[in-house]
Amino acid sequence: MRVRWSESSLSDIDDIFSYIHERNRTAAVAVVERIKAVAGLLQDFPEVGHLTDEPGVRMFPTVRYPYLIFYTVNPADAEIVILHVRHGAQEPRP
């Protein structure tokens, strides 16, 4: 399966990077790289995330950093769509 990032998830990544970059440039790069690496794992293990209250939406933590990746699996298109990336302290809506 391939991983596709939605526009909103790319915006989330940009916001995360900008926020951290203001405080620590090196950390900003490390956090975004980790989020992308974890999302890449979904290619091989698409069902690894927990189902959310939203039908068809799964959530997977980035572990090491407090970010959650919200995604859907579309087996017909052999695609995983990353919907959002949120800090664990944010409202957990997809």
Protein backbone atom coordinates (compact mmCIF):
# COMPACT_ATOMS: atom_id res chain seq x y z
CA MET A 1 0.00 0.00 0.00
CA ARG A 2 1.12 3.50 -0.63
CA VAL A 3 0.82 6.38 1.81
CA ARG A 4 -0.76 9.62 0.65
CA TRP A 5 -0.73 12.80 2.73
CA SER A 6 -3.89 14.93 2.57
CA GLU A 7 -3.56 18.71 2.24
CA SER A 8 -4.69 19.13 5.85
CA SER A 9 -2.07 16.67 7.11
CA LEU A 10 0.66 18.52 5.20
CA SER A 11 -0.57 21.75 6.75
CA ASP A 12 -0.41 20.08 10.18
CA ILE A 13 3.21 19.06 9.52
CA ASP A 14 4.10 22.60 8.46
CA ASP A 15 2.49 24.02 11.61
CA ILE A 16 4.30 21.51 13.84
CA PHE A 17 7.62 22.28 12.17
CA SER A 18 7.14 26.06 12.42
CA TYR A 19 6.14 25.93 16.08
CA ILE A 20 9.11 23.79 17.12
CA HIS A 21 11.53 25.58 14.79
CA GLU A 22 10.98 28.86 16.64
CA ARG A 23 12.32 27.19 19.78
CA ASN A 24 14.80 24.61 18.50
CA ARG A 25 15.72 24.16 14.83
CA THR A 26 17.35 20.76 15.26
CA ALA A 27 14.40 19.38 17.19
CA ALA A 28 11.97 20.58 14.52
CA VAL A 29 13.73 18.52 11.87
CA ALA A 30 13.95 15.46 14.15
CA VAL A 31 10.26 15.57 15.05
CA VAL A 32 9.06 15.90 11.45
CA GLU A 33 11.42 13.14 10.30
CA ARG A 34 10.07 10.87 13.04
CA ILE A 35 6.46 11.58 12.10
CA LYS A 36 7.20 10.77 8.46
CA ALA A 37 9.10 7.59 9.41
CA VAL A 38 6.21 6.34 11.55
CA ALA A 39 3.74 7.14 8.78
CA GLY A 40 5.95 5.12 6.42
CA LEU A 41 5.50 2.07 8.66
CA LEU A 42 1.81 2.13 7.84
CA GLN A 43 2.66 0.96 4.31
CA ASP A 44 3.54 -2.47 5.64
CA PHE A 45 1.23 -2.49 8.66
CA PRO A 46 -1.90 -0.51 7.72
CA GLU A 47 -4.10 -1.97 10.46
CA VAL A 48 -1.66 -1.24 13.28
CA GLY A 49 -3.48 1.89 14.49
CA HIS A 50 -6.41 1.94 16.88
CA LEU A 51 -9.87 2.63 15.54
CA THR A 52 -11.29 5.98 16.62
CA ASP A 53 -14.89 7.01 17.23
CA GLU A 54 -14.95 8.24 13.63
CA PRO A 55 -15.93 5.36 11.30
CA GLY A 56 -12.99 4.09 9.26
CA VAL A 57 -10.45 6.41 10.90
CA ARG A 58 -7.47 4.97 12.73
CA MET A 59 -4.94 6.63 15.02
CA PHE A 60 -1.30 5.72 15.55
CA PRO A 61 1.09 7.46 17.99
CA THR A 62 4.55 8.55 16.88
CA VAL A 63 6.14 7.25 20.11
CA ARG A 64 9.01 9.30 21.41
CA TYR A 65 7.11 12.47 20.48
CA PRO A 66 3.56 13.30 21.57
CA TYR A 67 2.00 13.33 18.11
CA LEU A 68 -0.86 11.22 16.78
CA ILE A 69 -1.33 10.28 13.14
CA PHE A 70 -4.96 9.95 12.01
CA TYR A 71 -5.48 7.96 8.83
CA THR A 72 -7.83 5.82 6.77
CA VAL A 73 -7.13 2.64 4.84
CA ASN A 74 -8.59 2.26 1.36
CA PRO A 75 -7.89 -1.33 0.27
CA ALA A 76 -9.66 -0.86 -3.08
CA ASP A 77 -7.06 1.74 -4.08
CA ALA A 78 -4.25 0.10 -2.06
CA GLU A 79 -3.84 3.43 -0.31
CA ILE A 80 -3.45 4.83 3.18
CA VAL A 81 -4.52 8.45 3.51
CA ILE A 82 -3.02 10.48 6.34
CA LEU A 83 -5.80 12.82 7.43
CA HIS A 84 -4.21 14.77 10.27
CA VAL A 85 -1.23 14.88 12.58
CA ARG A 86 -2.05 16.30 16.00
CA HIS A 87 -0.32 16.83 19.31
CA GLY A 88 -1.62 14.40 21.93
CA ALA A 89 -2.85 17.31 24.06
CA GLN A 90 -5.04 18.62 21.23
CA GLU A 91 -8.67 17.68 20.79
CA PRO A 92 -8.51 14.09 19.43
CA ARG A 93 -10.78 14.66 16.43
CA PRO A 94 -9.61 13.41 13.01
